[in-house]
Protein backbone atom coordinates (compact mmCIF):
# COMPACT_ATOMS: atom_id res chain seq x y z
CA MET A 1 121.13 98.12 138.98
CA ALA A 2 120.08 98.39 135.38
CA VAL A 3 120.55 101.78 133.79
CA ARG A 4 117.67 102.93 131.66
CA PRO A 5 118.72 104.50 128.38
CA LYS A 6 117.93 108.14 128.13
CA LYS A 7 115.29 109.19 125.68
CA PRO A 8 117.09 110.21 122.47
CA ILE A 9 116.99 113.88 121.69
CA PRO A 10 115.28 114.51 118.32
CA LEU A 11 117.75 115.93 115.85
CA PRO A 12 116.89 118.64 113.34
CA LYS A 13 115.81 117.33 109.94
CA THR A 14 118.58 117.70 107.39
CA PHE A 15 117.60 115.05 104.82
CA THR A 16 114.38 114.28 102.98
CA LEU A 17 113.15 112.43 99.94
CA ASP A 18 109.65 113.93 100.13
CA TRP A 19 110.99 117.36 99.23
CA TYR A 20 107.61 118.56 97.93
CA LYS A 21 106.18 118.45 101.46
CA GLU A 22 108.59 121.24 102.43
CA LEU A 23 106.66 123.42 99.96
CA GLY A 24 103.25 122.37 101.26
CA TRP A 25 102.44 119.98 98.40
CA SER A 26 101.00 116.49 98.78
CA GLN A 27 102.84 115.18 95.69
CA ASN A 28 105.30 116.31 93.06
CA PRO A 29 103.29 118.43 90.56
CA PHE A 30 106.02 118.42 87.89
CA THR A 31 106.06 114.77 86.88
CA THR A 32 106.20 114.39 83.10
CA GLU A 33 103.54 111.68 83.22
CA ASN A 34 99.99 112.67 82.29
CA LEU A 35 98.01 113.63 85.37
CA GLU A 36 94.34 112.82 85.81
CA PRO A 37 91.74 114.10 85.28
CA ILE A 38 93.47 114.92 82.01
CA ASP A 39 90.99 117.64 81.03
CA HIS A 40 92.15 119.70 84.03
CA PHE A 41 95.80 119.64 82.96
CA ILE A 42 95.60 120.57 79.30
CA THR A 43 95.95 124.23 78.30
CA GLY A 44 96.59 126.19 75.13
CA CYS A 45 95.09 123.53 72.79
CA GLU A 46 91.51 124.75 72.46
CA ALA A 47 91.59 124.92 68.64
CA GLU A 48 93.09 121.42 68.35
CA GLN A 49 90.50 120.03 70.78
CA GLN A 50 87.70 121.41 68.61
CA ARG A 51 89.19 119.85 65.48
CA LEU A 52 89.37 116.45 67.18
CA ASN A 53 85.77 116.79 68.27
CA TYR A 54 84.74 117.63 64.71
CA PHE A 55 86.72 114.65 63.37
CA ILE A 56 84.80 112.23 65.62
CA ILE A 57 81.39 113.77 64.94
CA GLU A 58 81.87 113.63 61.17
CA GLY A 59 83.04 110.02 61.30
CA PHE A 60 86.29 110.56 59.39
CA GLN A 61 88.48 107.47 59.03
CA TYR A 62 92.08 108.63 59.32
CA GLY A 63 93.93 111.61 60.78
CA THR A 64 97.33 112.60 62.13
CA ILE A 65 98.74 114.73 64.93
CA THR A 66 102.31 115.86 64.32
CA GLY A 67 104.76 117.91 66.34
CA GLY A 68 108.12 117.83 68.02
CA SER A 69 108.98 115.89 71.15
CA GLY A 70 107.24 117.28 74.22
CA GLN A 71 104.77 119.42 72.24
CA GLY A 72 101.64 117.70 73.62
CA LYS A 73 100.76 114.91 71.16
CA SER A 74 100.36 112.27 73.87
CA VAL A 75 98.40 114.68 76.05
CA LEU A 76 95.92 115.33 73.23
CA LEU A 77 95.43 111.60 72.64
CA SER A 78 94.94 111.00 76.37
CA TRP A 79 92.42 113.82 76.52
CA LEU A 80 90.48 112.40 73.56
CA ALA A 81 90.47 108.90 75.09
CA TYR A 82 89.20 110.40 78.36
CA GLU A 83 86.36 112.25 76.65
CA LEU A 84 85.37 109.24 74.52
CA SER A 85 85.24 107.03 77.62
CA LYS A 86 82.02 108.85 78.46
CA TYR A 87 80.45 107.36 75.31
CA ARG A 88 81.30 103.68 75.72
CA ASN A 89 77.85 102.72 74.54
CA ARG A 90 78.67 104.22 71.11
CA TYR A 91 82.36 103.50 70.50
CA ARG A 92 85.15 101.15 71.40
CA VAL A 93 88.27 103.19 72.14
CA VAL A 94 91.78 101.71 72.26
CA ARG A 95 94.93 103.76 72.84
CA ILE A 96 98.27 102.07 72.06
CA ASP A 97 101.82 103.36 72.41
CA CYS A 98 103.50 102.00 69.29
CA LYS A 99 107.07 102.92 70.15
CA LYS A 100 109.14 99.78 69.40
CA ILE A 101 106.03 97.63 69.76
CA LYS A 102 106.00 94.02 68.60
CA ASP A 103 103.18 92.41 66.66
CA LYS A 104 102.14 90.11 69.50
CA GLU A 105 102.03 93.01 71.99
CA PHE A 106 99.94 95.06 69.56
CA VAL A 107 97.46 92.18 69.16
CA LYS A 108 97.26 91.77 72.94
CA LEU A 109 96.56 95.47 73.58
CA LEU A 110 94.04 95.65 70.74
CA THR A 111 92.22 92.53 71.88
CA ASP A 112 92.14 93.53 75.54
CA GLY A 113 90.88 96.96 74.54
CA ILE A 114 87.83 95.75 72.63
CA LEU A 115 86.76 93.04 75.08
CA GLY A 116 83.40 93.71 76.68
CA ILE A 117 82.74 93.79 80.43
CA HIS A 118 81.19 90.33 80.50
CA GLU A 119 84.01 88.87 78.41
CA LYS A 120 86.59 90.26 80.83
CA ALA A 121 84.60 88.86 83.73
CA LEU A 122 84.62 85.43 82.05
CA ILE A 123 88.37 85.52 81.42
CA HIS A 124 89.33 86.71 84.90
CA GLY A 125 86.60 84.99 86.86
CA TYR A 126 86.56 81.59 85.12
CA TYR A 127 89.94 80.91 83.56
CA LYS A 128 92.38 82.94 85.68
CA SER A 129 90.81 82.34 89.09
CA GLY A 130 91.05 78.54 88.81
CA ILE A 131 87.32 77.84 88.64
CA GLU A 132 87.89 76.03 85.36
CA LYS A 133 90.08 73.44 87.14
CA LEU A 134 87.43 73.03 89.82
CA PHE A 135 84.78 72.32 87.19
CA ALA A 136 87.13 69.82 85.53
CA ARG A 137 87.51 67.88 88.80
CA ILE A 138 83.76 67.79 89.30
CA ALA A 139 83.29 66.58 85.72
CA VAL A 140 85.69 63.69 86.37
CA ARG A 141 83.73 62.68 89.46
CA ILE A 142 80.38 62.61 87.65
CA LYS A 143 82.00 61.29 84.46
CA LYS A 144 80.62 64.12 82.36
CA ASP A 145 82.32 67.04 80.67
CA TYR A 146 80.76 70.36 81.58
CA THR A 147 83.85 72.50 80.80
CA PRO A 148 83.64 74.76 77.76
CA ASP A 149 85.57 73.86 74.67
CA ASP A 150 88.91 75.49 73.93
CA THR A 151 87.93 79.07 73.03
CA LEU A 152 89.62 82.32 72.13
CA TYR A 153 88.89 83.59 75.66
CA LYS A 154 90.86 80.72 77.14
CA ARG A 155 93.82 81.46 74.88
CA ILE A 156 93.63 85.15 75.84
CA ALA A 157 93.57 84.20 79.53
CA THR A 158 96.77 82.17 79.10
CA GLY A 159 98.45 84.86 76.98
CA ASN A 160 98.32 82.81 73.80
CA TYR A 161 98.01 85.19 70.84
CA GLU A 162 99.68 82.94 68.29
CA ASP A 163 96.51 82.19 66.34
CA ILE A 164 96.44 85.45 64.40
CA LYS A 165 93.60 84.33 62.13
CA SER A 166 91.20 83.81 65.03
CA ILE A 167 92.24 87.17 66.49
CA GLU A 168 91.53 88.91 63.18
CA LYS A 169 88.12 87.25 63.00
CA PHE A 170 87.40 88.30 66.58
CA VAL A 171 88.28 91.95 65.79
CA ARG A 172 86.11 91.93 62.66
CA ASP A 173 83.14 90.59 64.63
CA LYS A 174 83.56 93.30 67.23
CA LEU A 175 83.79 96.05 64.61
CA SER A 176 80.57 94.87 63.01
CA GLN A 177 78.81 95.57 66.34
CA LYS A 178 80.34 98.91 67.31
CA PRO A 179 82.83 101.38 65.69
CA LEU A 180 86.45 101.24 66.86
CA ILE A 181 88.50 104.40 67.42
CA LEU A 182 92.18 103.46 67.44
CA LEU A 183 94.59 106.03 68.92
CA LEU A 184 98.20 105.30 67.99
CA ASP A 185 100.91 107.21 69.88
CA ASP A 186 104.45 107.20 68.41
CA ALA A 187 102.86 105.61 65.38
CA GLY A 188 106.11 105.59 63.44
CA GLY A 189 107.02 102.33 65.18
CA ILE A 190 104.28 100.09 63.74
CA SER A 191 105.32 97.07 61.71
CA VAL A 192 104.42 95.92 58.20
CA TRP A 193 102.01 93.32 59.63
CA ILE A 194 100.13 95.88 61.75
CA SER A 195 99.82 98.23 58.78
CA GLY A 196 98.62 95.38 56.59
CA PHE A 197 96.04 94.30 59.17
CA LEU A 198 94.62 97.85 59.40
CA HIS A 199 94.63 98.03 55.60
CA GLU A 200 92.47 94.89 55.43
CA LEU A 201 89.98 96.34 57.91
CA TYR A 202 89.71 99.48 55.81
CA ASP A 203 89.25 97.42 52.63
CA GLU A 204 86.36 95.56 54.24
CA GLU A 205 84.75 98.94 54.98
CA LEU A 206 84.47 98.22 58.68
CA PRO A 207 83.81 101.18 61.01
CA LEU A 208 87.46 101.84 61.92
CA ARG A 209 88.85 105.29 62.73
CA VAL A 210 92.56 105.77 63.27
CA ILE A 211 94.34 108.81 64.71
CA ALA A 212 98.12 108.51 64.52
CA ALA A 213 100.50 110.78 66.44
CA GLY A 214 104.22 111.27 65.89
CA THR A 215 106.78 113.59 64.39
CA LEU A 216 106.25 114.51 60.75
CA ASP A 217 109.36 112.63 59.61
CA GLN A 218 108.40 109.50 61.55
CA LEU A 219 104.93 109.32 60.04
CA LYS A 220 106.23 109.92 56.53
CA LYS A 221 108.71 107.04 56.86
CA SER A 222 106.29 104.72 58.67
CA GLU A 223 104.23 101.86 57.27
CA LEU A 224 101.10 104.00 57.72
CA GLU A 225 101.79 105.51 54.33
CA SER A 226 100.75 102.18 52.82
CA LEU A 227 97.21 102.67 54.11
CA HIS A 228 96.63 105.24 51.35
CA GLN A 229 94.13 107.04 53.54
CA LYS A 230 93.49 110.75 53.27
CA ASP A 231 94.54 112.74 56.32
CA GLN A 232 91.27 114.36 57.36
CA LEU A 233 92.61 115.80 60.62
CA HIS A 234 96.15 117.10 60.01
CA ILE A 235 96.93 118.76 63.33
CA GLU A 236 100.42 120.22 63.53
CA LEU A 237 101.34 121.22 67.07
CA LYS A 238 103.56 124.21 67.77
CA SER A 239 104.80 125.88 70.92
CA ILE A 240 102.05 127.29 73.10
CA ALA A 241 102.14 130.83 74.47
CA TYR A 242 103.56 131.69 77.90
CA PRO A 243 100.14 132.49 79.50
CA ALA A 244 99.01 128.92 78.71
CA VAL A 245 102.19 127.50 80.28
CA ARG A 246 101.74 129.65 83.37
CA GLU A 247 98.16 128.40 83.71
CA LEU A 248 99.38 124.81 83.37
CA ILE A 249 101.98 125.26 86.14
CA LYS A 250 99.41 127.01 88.33
CA ARG A 251 96.87 124.20 87.94
CA ARG A 252 99.43 121.56 88.78
CA ILE A 253 100.66 123.38 91.89
CA GLU A 254 97.18 124.18 93.19
CA PHE A 255 95.95 120.64 92.54
CA PHE A 256 98.49 119.33 95.06
CA GLY A 257 97.87 121.97 97.71
CA GLY A 258 99.98 124.93 96.60
CA SER A 259 99.03 128.51 95.86
CA ASP A 260 99.21 130.08 92.39
CA ILE A 261 102.76 129.62 90.98
CA GLU A 262 104.60 129.88 94.31
CA PRO A 263 107.59 129.35 94.84
CA PHE A 264 108.10 130.81 91.36
CA HIS A 265 107.41 134.36 90.21
CA ASP A 266 106.45 135.43 86.70
CA VAL A 267 109.86 136.72 85.61
CA GLU A 268 111.56 133.55 86.79
CA LEU A 269 108.91 131.30 85.22
CA SER A 270 109.14 133.18 81.93
CA ASP A 271 112.94 132.73 81.92
CA LEU A 272 112.52 128.99 82.50
CA TRP A 273 110.09 128.83 79.58
CA GLU A 274 112.67 130.44 77.31
CA GLU A 275 115.40 128.16 78.65
CA SER A 276 113.28 125.10 77.88
CA GLY A 277 113.10 126.08 74.22
CA LYS A 278 109.32 126.46 74.67
CA ASN A 279 108.98 122.74 75.18
CA VAL A 280 106.38 121.71 77.78
CA GLU A 281 108.11 118.48 78.79
CA LYS A 282 111.45 120.23 79.24
CA MET A 283 109.69 123.03 81.12
CA LEU A 284 108.30 120.57 83.67
CA GLU A 285 111.78 119.13 84.20
CA LEU A 286 113.26 122.60 84.80
CA CYS A 287 110.45 123.50 87.22
CA ASN A 288 111.07 120.25 89.07
CA ASP A 289 114.79 120.98 89.45
CA HIS A 290 114.15 124.52 90.66
CA ALA A 291 111.46 123.45 93.14
CA VAL A 292 113.75 120.77 94.63
CA LYS A 293 116.49 123.35 95.24
CA VAL A 294 114.03 125.74 96.89
CA ALA A 295 112.70 122.96 99.13
CA LEU A 296 116.17 121.90 100.27
CA ARG A 297 117.14 125.50 100.93
CA ARG A 298 114.07 125.96 103.12
CA LEU A 299 114.88 122.73 104.95
CA LYS A 300 118.38 124.03 105.66
CA GLU A 301 117.11 127.40 106.90
CA LYS A 302 114.65 125.91 109.39
CA PRO A 303 115.45 126.83 113.04
CA ARG A 304 117.42 124.02 114.71
CA ASP A 305 116.41 124.02 118.40
CA PRO A 306 114.50 120.75 118.81
CA ILE A 307 114.53 120.68 122.65
CA GLY A 308 113.84 124.36 123.17
CA ILE A 309 117.20 125.41 124.65
CA HIS A 310 117.10 128.85 123.09
CA LYS A 311 113.38 129.33 123.41
CA PRO A 312 112.68 132.68 125.14
CA LYS A 313 111.32 132.31 128.65
CA LYS A 314 107.87 133.59 129.40
CA GLU A 315 107.78 136.50 131.86
CA ALA A 316 106.15 135.62 135.17
CA VAL A 317 102.87 137.45 135.78
CA GLU A 318 102.10 138.31 139.40
CA PRO A 319 98.51 137.78 140.45
CA ILE A 320 96.39 140.87 141.10
CA ILE A 321 94.34 140.85 144.29
CA ILE A 322 91.40 143.18 144.85
CA LYS A 323 90.19 143.42 148.43
CA HIS A 324 86.51 143.83 149.33
CA THR A 325 85.23 144.34 145.87
CA HIS A 326 81.55 145.16 145.90
CA THR A 327 79.00 145.93 143.28
CA GLY A 328 78.83 149.62 142.71
CA ASP A 329 82.54 150.43 142.96
CA PHE A 330 83.30 153.67 141.27
CA ILE A 331 85.73 152.27 138.69
CA GLU A 332 85.69 153.35 135.11
CA LYS A 333 87.67 151.84 132.26
CA ASP A 334 89.06 153.82 129.40
CA LYS A 335 89.52 151.95 126.15
CA PRO A 336 93.26 151.17 125.82
CA ASP A 337 95.23 151.37 122.66
CA ALA A 338 96.19 148.15 120.87
CA GLY A 339 99.16 146.50 122.54
CA SER A 340 98.89 148.53 125.81
CA GLU A 341 99.53 146.86 129.18
CA TYR A 342 96.78 146.57 131.75
CA LYS A 343 97.41 147.48 135.41
CA ILE A 344 94.97 148.00 138.27
CA ASN A 345 94.75 150.04 141.43
CA VAL A 346 94.19 148.11 144.65
CA ILE A 347 91.67 149.71 147.03
CA ASP A 348 91.84 149.18 150.79
CA ARG A 349 88.39 149.11 152.43
CA SER A 350 89.59 147.86 155.80
CA GLN A 351 89.43 151.36 157.31
CA GLU A 352 86.47 153.64 157.07
CA PRO A 353 83.73 152.13 154.88
CA PHE A 354 82.99 155.45 153.23
CA ASP A 355 86.45 156.46 151.99
CA CYS A 356 88.28 154.90 149.05
CA LYS A 357 91.96 155.02 149.78
CA VAL A 358 94.49 153.98 147.16
CA VAL A 359 97.26 151.99 148.84
CA GLN A 360 99.03 150.93 145.68
CA HIS A 361 99.08 153.19 142.69
CA GLU A 362 100.64 152.63 139.31
CA THR A 363 100.02 154.23 135.97
CA ALA A 364 97.21 152.27 134.41
CA ASP A 365 94.22 152.49 132.14
CA TYR A 366 91.90 152.27 135.09
CA LYS A 367 90.81 155.36 137.05
CA VAL A 368 89.50 155.30 140.57
CA LYS A 369 87.13 157.98 141.66
CA GLU A 370 86.97 158.95 145.28
CA ALA A 371 83.61 158.10 146.76
CA LYS A 372 81.63 160.82 148.34
CA LYS A 373 80.80 160.48 152.02
CA LYS A 374 77.35 159.20 152.64
CA THR A 375 75.26 159.57 155.71
CA PRO A 376 74.75 156.16 157.24
CA ARG A 377 71.18 154.95 157.30
CA VAL A 378 69.80 154.80 160.86
CA THR A 379 66.99 152.40 161.59
CA THR A 380 64.78 153.15 164.58
CA LYS A 381 62.68 150.73 166.39
CA SER A 382 59.05 151.57 166.59
């Protein structure tokens, strides 16, 4: 006779990778990556945001954002790109991280960024999807060539960015149609060729606006100095105040289902801010480490009784039987206090119909009044 395996007893949870769920969060709120929508997660930079807005309105050509690592340069650029995306009919906006970037990669990102919707549809829908090969087969059958000539779009689709001259011409044509706002993060890493290309665009008086972000030393030593453009923005970021950091942590926690700054308290959060050296990126890392420890501690402290062995038994409640209950019983109920226990008197009506005799009496919140004797109604026949 085959023996059926017993159903395994669920063991208490002692290991987790989704630690944030132990704190009631849907995701980790302390990732150092920029969260979206970016305008919800930027605090303490109101003055800098206004200066960037003024820079764009006035049509200035070149500006810089400087500050130490983790001070919010990338966040400001992401915020500006997000806001400008609402005005695509007026500007082309391209954001490029220039840290250790190569010339070919820069050209690819710049080109992809200024392509229009229809151009992207042509590249992805015609060249990359294989429709071009289908058209070529049809053309062979009918002995005619209906395929487009070799174009820049075809080279872009195949990742061929070797023809720099055609790329430069393409960028110039696009700039003649609509201004380009180029946001360069870690701009100290651009090469001599990239700097020279931007210099040529400026010399041709094309509508190009560049905002470069990096540390002050990096920008001074970079090839951007060869542009000889006046810095008409000059934002220098410094440490933000603690209230702005607290608001940032609160927004992140609440966005993923938490409440205020829990599991932190203000004294603890203020100490972490000082420990981070008033660096936002380092602050997020410290908050992440602390939150993980709290989550694992709560996981450890959870009650471990998965099959209910130590669950308290419910007290059995005996049913209450009332004999011969009729409308008009003389029973009054006093309002009990909160948490009081209800009991009831049982009345025996099996004897004389006019007397209420209590056969079981316990202290209760119900009072039974003795009925007065009534003269029975006699009906006479006429």
